[in-house]
N, C-alpha and C. Protein backbone atom coordinates (compact mmCIF):
# COMPACT_ATOMS: atom_id res chain seq x y z
N MET A 1 5.72 -6.71 -11.73
CA MET A 1 5.85 -5.63 -10.66
C MET A 1 5.02 -6.78 -9.55
N ARG A 2 5.68 -6.36 -8.27
CA ARG A 2 4.78 -6.76 -7.22
C ARG A 2 4.50 -5.75 -6.06
N VAL A 3 3.44 -5.49 -5.84
CA VAL A 3 3.17 -4.56 -5.05
C VAL A 3 1.96 -4.77 -3.61
N ARG A 4 2.68 -4.66 -2.58
CA ARG A 4 2.19 -5.00 -1.55
C ARG A 4 1.11 -4.50 -0.92
N LEU A 5 -0.46 -4.34 -0.36
CA LEU A 5 -1.06 -3.26 -0.35
C LEU A 5 -1.80 -3.69 1.20
N GLY A 6 -1.04 -2.89 2.03
CA GLY A 6 -1.48 -2.82 3.28
C GLY A 6 -2.91 -2.19 4.22
N GLY A 7 -3.95 -2.84 4.85
CA GLY A 7 -4.81 -1.60 5.08
C GLY A 7 -4.73 -2.75 6.72
N ARG A 8 -6.20 -2.54 6.69
CA ARG A 8 -6.79 -2.91 7.70
C ARG A 8 -7.47 -4.54 7.95
N GLY A 9 -7.84 -5.17 9.05
CA GLY A 9 -8.32 -6.66 8.62
C GLY A 9 -10.12 -6.24 8.81
N SER A 10 -11.03 -5.14 8.67
CA SER A 10 -11.82 -4.62 9.08
C SER A 10 -12.61 -5.30 7.59
N GLU A 11 -13.82 -5.44 7.79
CA GLU A 11 -14.59 -5.74 6.60
C GLU A 11 -14.79 -4.26 5.42
N LEU A 12 -15.15 -3.15 5.99
CA LEU A 12 -15.04 -2.37 5.10
C LEU A 12 -13.26 -2.03 4.71
N SER A 13 -12.24 -1.96 5.31
CA SER A 13 -11.18 -2.09 5.04
C SER A 13 -10.71 -2.64 3.99
N ARG A 14 -11.32 -3.90 3.90
CA ARG A 14 -10.86 -5.11 2.75
C ARG A 14 -11.68 -4.54 1.39
N ALA A 15 -12.61 -4.05 1.79
CA ALA A 15 -13.55 -3.69 0.20
C ALA A 15 -12.38 -2.67 0.00
N GLN A 16 -11.93 -1.72 0.86
CA GLN A 16 -11.47 -0.47 0.36
C GLN A 16 -10.24 -0.91 -0.81
N LEU A 17 -9.17 -2.48 0.04
CA LEU A 17 -8.26 -2.90 -0.45
C LEU A 17 -8.35 -3.14 -1.92
N GLU A 18 -9.74 -3.48 -1.73
CA GLU A 18 -10.43 -4.88 -2.91
C GLU A 18 -10.43 -3.48 -4.36
N ILE A 19 -11.19 -2.79 -3.69
CA ILE A 19 -11.38 -1.47 -5.23
C ILE A 19 -9.57 -0.84 -5.03
N VAL A 20 -8.78 -0.77 -4.78
CA VAL A 20 -7.75 -0.04 -4.98
C VAL A 20 -6.81 -1.04 -5.98
N ALA A 21 -6.94 -2.82 -5.37
CA ALA A 21 -6.02 -3.56 -5.90
C ALA A 21 -6.73 -4.01 -7.59
N ARG A 22 -7.81 -3.80 -7.53
CA ARG A 22 -8.44 -3.75 -8.71
C ARG A 22 -7.92 -2.99 -9.94
N VAL A 23 -7.61 -1.63 -9.49
CA VAL A 23 -6.78 -0.56 -10.29
C VAL A 23 -5.50 -0.50 -10.24
N LEU A 24 -4.84 -1.80 -9.39
CA LEU A 24 -3.49 -1.81 -9.80
C LEU A 24 -2.86 -3.12 -10.39
N ARG A 25 -4.43 -4.12 -10.57
CA ARG A 25 -3.67 -5.28 -10.99
C ARG A 25 -3.33 -5.42 -12.78
N PRO A 26 -3.66 -4.51 -13.36
CA PRO A 26 -3.71 -4.27 -14.85
C PRO A 26 -2.33 -4.36 -14.97
N MET A 27 -1.64 -3.96 -13.61
CA MET A 27 -0.02 -3.00 -13.84
C MET A 27 0.52 -3.81 -12.95
N ALA A 28 0.40 -4.53 -12.40
CA ALA A 28 1.21 -5.39 -10.82
C ALA A 28 0.49 -6.44 -10.56
N ASP A 29 1.37 -6.99 -10.17
CA ASP A 29 0.95 -8.28 -9.30
C ASP A 29 0.99 -7.88 -7.62
N VAL A 30 -0.76 -7.98 -7.24
CA VAL A 30 -0.90 -7.47 -5.78
C VAL A 30 -1.29 -7.74 -4.92
N GLU A 31 -0.80 -8.13 -4.28
CA GLU A 31 -0.67 -8.77 -2.50
C GLU A 31 -0.98 -8.04 -1.47
N ILE A 32 -2.35 -8.32 -1.15
CA ILE A 32 -3.78 -7.89 -0.31
C ILE A 32 -2.76 -7.96 1.68
N VAL A 33 -2.22 -7.17 2.65
CA VAL A 33 -1.64 -7.17 3.55
C VAL A 33 -3.02 -6.72 3.87
N ALA A 34 -3.38 -7.88 5.55
CA ALA A 34 -4.28 -7.37 6.31
C ALA A 34 -3.91 -7.45 7.43
N MET A 35 -4.09 -6.22 8.32
CA MET A 35 -3.32 -5.99 9.91
C MET A 35 -4.81 -5.72 10.55
N THR A 36 -4.00 -5.86 11.95
CA THR A 36 -4.87 -5.45 13.37
C THR A 36 -4.14 -4.67 13.52
N THR A 37 -4.96 -3.41 14.00
CA THR A 37 -4.30 -2.35 14.49
C THR A 37 -4.66 -1.88 16.19
N THR A 38 -3.62 -1.07 16.69
CA THR A 38 -4.30 -0.87 18.01
C THR A 38 -5.57 -0.45 18.65
N GLY A 39 -6.55 0.05 17.01
CA GLY A 39 -7.60 0.75 17.26
C GLY A 39 -8.67 -0.38 17.65
N ASP A 40 -8.49 -1.49 16.45
CA ASP A 40 -8.82 -3.12 16.35
C ASP A 40 -9.20 -3.59 17.91
N ARG A 41 -7.84 -3.05 18.17
CA ARG A 41 -7.33 -4.56 19.41
C ARG A 41 -8.32 -3.61 20.79
N LEU A 42 -8.51 -2.53 20.84
CA LEU A 42 -8.86 -1.75 21.44
C LEU A 42 -10.67 -1.32 22.03
N SER A 43 -10.78 -1.40 20.43
CA SER A 43 -11.91 -1.71 19.58
C SER A 43 -13.10 -3.09 20.15
N GLN A 44 -12.20 -3.75 20.62
CA GLN A 44 -12.74 -5.25 21.22
C GLN A 44 -13.64 -5.42 22.66
N GLY A 45 -12.43 -4.58 23.31
CA GLY A 45 -12.45 -4.79 24.58
C GLY A 45 -13.00 -3.04 25.36
N SER A 46 -12.91 -2.74 26.64
CA SER A 46 -13.44 -1.53 27.14
C SER A 46 -12.56 -0.27 27.57
N ALA A 47 -10.74 -0.68 26.50
CA ALA A 47 -10.30 0.09 26.86
C ALA A 47 -10.33 1.38 26.01
N ALA A 48 -9.79 2.59 26.50
CA ALA A 48 -10.03 4.09 25.83
C ALA A 48 -8.79 3.98 25.00
N MET A 49 -9.70 4.76 23.68
CA MET A 49 -8.31 4.91 22.39
C MET A 49 -7.59 5.73 22.95
N THR A 50 -6.19 5.24 22.29
CA THR A 50 -5.23 5.96 22.78
C THR A 50 -4.89 7.15 21.53
N GLY A 51 -5.21 7.66 20.41
CA GLY A 51 -5.45 8.56 19.96
C GLY A 51 -5.90 8.20 18.58
N LYS A 52 -5.77 9.09 17.85
CA LYS A 52 -6.58 9.13 16.09
C LYS A 52 -5.72 8.12 15.45
N ASP A 53 -4.47 8.49 15.58
CA ASP A 53 -3.77 7.39 14.72
C ASP A 53 -3.96 6.00 15.27
N SER A 54 -4.46 5.33 15.74
CA SER A 54 -4.79 4.16 16.32
C SER A 54 -5.23 3.07 15.48
N PHE A 55 -5.97 3.62 14.53
CA PHE A 55 -6.35 2.60 13.72
C PHE A 55 -5.80 3.01 12.24
N THR A 56 -4.15 3.53 12.11
CA THR A 56 -3.22 3.25 11.35
C THR A 56 -1.68 3.62 11.54
N ARG A 57 -1.46 3.41 12.54
CA ARG A 57 -0.11 3.56 13.40
C ARG A 57 0.51 2.54 13.33
N GLU A 58 -0.07 1.24 13.18
CA GLU A 58 0.67 -0.13 12.58
C GLU A 58 1.06 0.01 11.10
N ILE A 59 -0.26 0.26 10.28
CA ILE A 59 0.36 0.30 8.60
C ILE A 59 1.19 0.67 8.14
N ASP A 60 1.24 2.39 8.91
CA ASP A 60 2.59 3.45 8.36
C ASP A 60 3.42 2.75 9.06
N GLU A 61 3.64 2.07 9.86
CA GLU A 61 4.81 1.31 10.43
C GLU A 61 5.44 0.88 9.56
N ALA A 62 4.49 -0.13 8.98
CA ALA A 62 5.00 -1.28 7.99
C ALA A 62 5.07 -0.51 6.76
N LEU A 63 4.56 0.50 6.36
CA LEU A 63 5.28 1.32 5.05
C LEU A 63 6.40 1.96 4.65
N LEU A 64 6.26 2.09 6.42
CA LEU A 64 8.07 2.80 6.48
C LEU A 64 9.16 1.81 6.26
N GLU A 65 8.80 0.73 7.02
CA GLU A 65 9.91 -0.23 7.15
C GLU A 65 9.81 -1.21 6.00
N GLY A 66 9.11 -0.75 5.22
CA GLY A 66 9.25 -1.55 3.71
C GLY A 66 8.02 -3.14 3.88
N ARG A 67 7.67 -3.55 5.06
CA ARG A 67 6.78 -4.43 4.91
C ARG A 67 5.85 -4.34 3.88
N ILE A 68 4.91 -2.85 3.60
CA ILE A 68 4.35 -2.88 2.74
C ILE A 68 4.45 -1.82 1.69
N ASP A 69 4.02 -2.24 0.72
CA ASP A 69 4.51 -0.92 -1.04
C ASP A 69 3.38 0.31 -0.59
N LEU A 70 2.31 -0.24 -0.37
CA LEU A 70 0.86 0.79 -0.17
C LEU A 70 -0.11 0.88 0.48
N ALA A 71 -0.14 2.24 1.72
CA ALA A 71 -1.24 1.59 2.50
C ALA A 71 -2.53 2.18 2.18
N VAL A 72 -3.60 1.30 2.13
CA VAL A 72 -4.64 2.24 2.18
C VAL A 72 -5.82 2.47 3.33
N HIS A 73 -5.99 3.99 3.59
CA HIS A 73 -6.51 4.33 4.50
C HIS A 73 -8.43 4.86 4.88
N SER A 74 -8.96 4.85 5.76
CA SER A 74 -10.18 5.55 5.62
C SER A 74 -9.94 7.05 5.82
N LEU A 75 -10.12 7.73 5.52
CA LEU A 75 -9.77 9.16 5.68
C LEU A 75 -10.13 9.52 6.45
N LYS A 76 -11.52 8.72 7.19
CA LYS A 76 -11.93 9.59 8.73
C LYS A 76 -10.55 8.61 9.74
N ASP A 77 -10.30 8.40 9.27
CA ASP A 77 -8.86 7.36 10.47
C ASP A 77 -7.81 7.87 10.78
N LEU A 78 -7.39 8.61 9.51
CA LEU A 78 -5.80 9.35 9.74
C LEU A 78 -6.06 10.90 10.49
N PRO A 79 -4.93 10.93 11.46
CA PRO A 79 -5.02 11.79 12.24
C PRO A 79 -4.31 13.30 11.32
N SER A 80 -4.67 14.18 11.70
CA SER A 80 -4.50 15.54 11.28
C SER A 80 -3.25 15.88 10.57
N GLU A 81 -2.30 15.43 11.25
CA GLU A 81 -0.92 15.45 10.85
C GLU A 81 -0.73 14.08 10.62
N LEU A 82 0.00 13.98 9.20
CA LEU A 82 -0.03 12.76 9.12
C LEU A 82 1.67 12.17 9.12
N THR A 83 1.95 10.83 9.27
CA THR A 83 3.05 10.63 9.91
C THR A 83 4.51 10.65 9.12
N ALA A 84 5.62 11.58 9.64
CA ALA A 84 6.70 12.23 8.89
C ALA A 84 6.98 10.88 7.48
N GLY A 85 7.18 11.34 6.68
CA GLY A 85 7.62 10.62 5.74
C GLY A 85 7.10 9.98 4.99
N LEU A 86 5.79 10.26 5.29
CA LEU A 86 4.37 9.62 4.50
C LEU A 86 3.84 10.88 3.99
N ALA A 87 2.87 10.20 2.71
CA ALA A 87 2.23 11.89 1.41
C ALA A 87 0.99 10.37 1.09
N ILE A 88 0.17 11.52 1.27
CA ILE A 88 -1.41 10.82 0.72
C ILE A 88 -1.32 10.87 -0.74
N ILE A 89 -0.92 9.69 -1.35
CA ILE A 89 -0.68 9.80 -3.28
C ILE A 89 -1.84 9.77 -3.96
N ALA A 90 -2.88 9.68 -3.29
CA ALA A 90 -3.71 9.15 -4.96
C ALA A 90 -5.23 8.78 -3.74
N VAL A 91 -6.54 9.35 -3.98
CA VAL A 91 -7.77 9.24 -3.54
C VAL A 91 -8.62 8.48 -4.56
N PRO A 92 -9.06 7.22 -4.45
CA PRO A 92 -10.40 6.88 -4.98
C PRO A 92 -11.54 7.57 -5.23
N GLU A 93 -12.24 7.40 -6.14
CA GLU A 93 -13.17 7.71 -6.76
C GLU A 93 -14.17 7.64 -5.45
N ARG A 94 -15.17 8.26 -4.95
CA ARG A 94 -16.64 8.10 -3.83
C ARG A 94 -17.02 6.93 -4.33
N GLU A 95 -17.24 6.63 -3.61
CA GLU A 95 -18.40 5.04 -3.98
C GLU A 95 -19.76 5.81 -3.19
N ASP A 96 -21.02 5.17 -3.05
CA ASP A 96 -22.24 5.72 -2.61
C ASP A 96 -22.19 6.14 -1.40
N PRO A 97 -22.03 7.77 -0.93
CA PRO A 97 -22.04 8.19 -0.10
C PRO A 97 -23.72 7.95 1.18
N SER A 98 -23.97 7.26 0.45
CA SER A 98 -25.48 6.96 1.60
C SER A 98 -25.26 6.38 2.38
N ASP A 99 -26.25 6.65 3.62
CA ASP A 99 -26.34 5.61 4.86
C ASP A 99 -27.73 5.02 5.20
N VAL A 100 -27.75 4.30 6.02
CA VAL A 100 -29.02 3.68 6.06
C VAL A 100 -29.52 3.54 7.58
N LEU A 101 -31.19 3.64 7.58
CA LEU A 101 -31.36 3.27 8.82
C LEU A 101 -32.25 1.82 8.94
N VAL A 102 -31.68 1.37 9.76
CA VAL A 102 -32.02 0.04 10.29
C VAL A 102 -33.03 0.73 11.08
N SER A 103 -34.39 -0.27 11.21
CA SER A 103 -35.79 -0.08 12.13
C SER A 103 -36.20 -1.38 12.17
N ARG A 104 -36.72 -1.09 13.39
CA ARG A 104 -37.71 -2.46 13.38
C ARG A 104 -38.85 -3.44 12.55
N ASP A 105 -39.59 -1.88 11.82
CA ASP A 105 -40.63 -2.46 11.21
C ASP A 105 -39.78 -2.10 9.50
N GLY A 106 -38.91 -1.50 9.19
CA GLY A 106 -38.78 -1.04 8.28
C GLY A 106 -39.02 0.28 7.61
N SER A 107 -39.05 1.32 8.74
CA SER A 107 -39.53 2.75 9.23
C SER A 107 -38.34 3.63 8.33
N THR A 108 -38.96 4.77 7.48
CA THR A 108 -37.81 5.98 6.83
C THR A 108 -38.06 6.53 8.34
N LEU A 109 -37.02 7.30 7.84
CA LEU A 109 -36.34 8.61 8.96
C LEU A 109 -37.91 9.20 8.90
N ALA A 110 -37.95 9.62 7.60
CA ALA A 110 -39.46 10.69 7.47
C ALA A 110 -41.02 10.07 8.52
N ALA A 111 -40.93 8.77 8.54
CA ALA A 111 -42.24 8.15 9.34
C ALA A 111 -41.95 7.40 10.43
N LEU A 112 -40.87 7.92 11.05
CA LEU A 112 -40.54 7.32 12.65
C LEU A 112 -41.80 7.99 13.51
N PRO A 113 -41.81 7.62 14.57
CA PRO A 113 -42.59 8.05 14.96
C PRO A 113 -42.37 9.28 16.21
N ALA A 114 -43.27 10.26 17.01
CA ALA A 114 -42.64 11.65 17.17
C ALA A 114 -41.95 10.66 18.70
N GLY A 115 -41.03 11.36 18.78
CA GLY A 115 -40.27 10.98 20.03
C GLY A 115 -39.38 9.69 20.38
N SER A 116 -38.12 9.42 18.63
CA SER A 116 -37.82 8.26 18.34
C SER A 116 -36.63 8.75 18.90
N ARG A 117 -35.76 7.65 19.15
CA ARG A 117 -34.36 7.86 19.10
C ARG A 117 -33.71 7.24 18.21
N VAL A 118 -32.11 7.52 17.40
CA VAL A 118 -31.87 7.33 16.60
C VAL A 118 -30.46 7.08 17.11
N GLY A 119 -30.09 5.64 17.45
CA GLY A 119 -28.47 5.99 16.66
C GLY A 119 -27.31 6.35 16.36
N THR A 120 -26.19 6.90 16.72
CA THR A 120 -25.82 7.53 15.71
C THR A 120 -24.20 8.75 15.88
N SER A 121 -23.25 8.01 15.44
CA SER A 121 -22.16 8.93 16.00
C SER A 121 -21.76 9.97 14.83
N SER A 122 -22.64 9.68 13.89
CA SER A 122 -22.36 10.58 12.74
C SER A 122 -22.90 12.11 12.62
N PRO A 123 -21.86 13.21 12.86
CA PRO A 123 -22.56 14.76 12.98
C PRO A 123 -23.71 14.26 11.95
N THR A 124 -23.34 14.50 10.47
CA THR A 124 -24.33 14.53 9.43
C THR A 124 -25.45 13.57 9.97
N LEU A 125 -25.55 12.80 10.28
CA LEU A 125 -26.78 12.27 10.93
C LEU A 125 -27.98 12.41 12.07
N ALA A 126 -26.98 13.34 12.73
CA ALA A 126 -27.30 13.60 14.31
C ALA A 126 -28.23 14.91 13.34
N SER A 127 -27.33 15.84 12.44
CA SER A 127 -28.20 16.88 11.89
C SER A 127 -29.29 16.54 11.22
N ALA A 128 -29.56 15.40 10.50
CA ALA A 128 -30.95 15.32 9.86
C ALA A 128 -31.62 14.84 10.62
N VAL A 129 -31.40 14.14 11.80
CA VAL A 129 -32.52 13.99 12.67
C VAL A 129 -32.93 14.76 13.47
N SER A 130 -32.16 15.99 13.94
CA SER A 130 -32.69 16.72 14.53
C SER A 130 -33.68 17.93 13.56
N ARG A 131 -33.48 18.13 12.37
CA ARG A 131 -33.88 18.41 11.23
C ARG A 131 -35.68 17.77 11.10
N LYS A 132 -35.78 17.38 11.65
CA LYS A 132 -36.71 15.92 11.27
C LYS A 132 -38.30 16.22 12.31
N GLY A 133 -37.66 16.59 13.39
CA GLY A 133 -38.64 17.37 14.67
C GLY A 133 -39.18 16.43 15.14
N GLY A 134 -40.24 16.83 16.00
CA GLY A 134 -41.05 15.65 16.06
C GLY A 134 -41.02 15.26 17.49
N GLY A 135 -39.59 16.04 18.26
CA GLY A 135 -39.30 15.24 19.00
C GLY A 135 -38.21 14.03 19.66
N THR A 136 -38.10 13.64 17.78
CA THR A 136 -37.63 12.92 17.60
C THR A 136 -35.89 13.31 17.92
N ARG A 137 -34.63 12.43 18.12
CA ARG A 137 -34.01 12.81 18.80
C ARG A 137 -32.51 11.89 18.70
N SER A 138 -31.26 12.12 18.11
CA SER A 138 -29.72 11.23 18.27
C SER A 138 -29.46 10.98 19.87
N CYS A 139 -28.87 9.74 19.06
CA CYS A 139 -27.97 9.04 20.43
C CYS A 139 -26.54 9.36 20.30
N SER A 140 -25.58 9.54 20.72
CA SER A 140 -24.61 8.94 19.97
C SER A 140 -24.13 7.95 20.40
N ARG A 141 -24.28 7.05 21.73
CA ARG A 141 -23.92 5.84 21.64
C ARG A 141 -24.12 4.78 21.27
N ALA A 142 -24.09 4.74 20.03
CA ALA A 142 -24.28 3.82 18.82
C ALA A 142 -22.93 4.05 18.24
N ARG A 143 -22.59 3.34 18.27
CA ARG A 143 -21.44 3.13 16.56
C ARG A 143 -22.06 3.54 14.98
N ALA A 144 -21.76 4.32 14.75
CA ALA A 144 -22.43 4.53 13.07
C ALA A 144 -22.14 2.97 11.93
N SER A 145 -20.44 2.44 12.73
CA SER A 145 -19.91 1.11 11.27
C SER A 145 -20.90 0.23 11.85
N ARG A 146 -21.74 0.05 13.10
CA ARG A 146 -22.80 -0.63 12.97
C ARG A 146 -24.64 -0.65 12.55
N GLY A 147 -24.48 0.38 12.35
CA GLY A 147 -25.78 1.06 11.17
C GLY A 147 -26.56 1.71 12.63
N LEU A 148 -27.36 1.94 12.19
CA LEU A 148 -28.49 3.37 13.02
C LEU A 148 -29.74 1.90 13.61
N ALA A 149 -30.09 2.23 14.46
CA ALA A 149 -31.04 1.64 15.38
C ALA A 149 -31.57 2.55 15.59
N ALA A 150 -33.73 2.18 15.62
CA ALA A 150 -34.38 3.56 15.99
C ALA A 150 -34.98 2.87 16.51
N SER A 151 -35.62 3.37 18.10
CA SER A 151 -36.49 2.81 18.75
C SER A 151 -37.60 4.13 19.44
N ARG A 152 -38.67 3.16 19.92
CA ARG A 152 -39.49 4.69 20.82
C ARG A 152 -39.40 4.33 21.74
N ARG A 153 -39.20 5.49 22.48
CA ARG A 153 -39.35 4.89 24.13
C ARG A 153 -39.72 6.71 24.92
């Protein structure tokens, strides 16, 4: 049996596609189909996002049209209402949920000097930064997928 597994072409998505493919390979010949979505194209330029489904729309359309057999999405990319005719049929076991702090000198979050700024778009990380105290604050301009950047200003 052949299974066409579709998802985004980003590094994270390709890793997720491989996780699912490893599970399916003992039962099927798996072909990974990487796609570029509207969200991928818009995130490369300065255009505003067109909606929550901007990272899933083209993949969902490929699934509904029969060009792929299964789609792999990050749950964070799914709109609150799924596309009509589609369902979430499986959620793989979660990998290590740890985040990473990237700093110029290898500082940990606890060791950052007072007044440091930490760039993140993650509400969870912003909360951790605010709990640190000492005037350390989060800045939401940074994209979480590109890591955290700490600086003293």
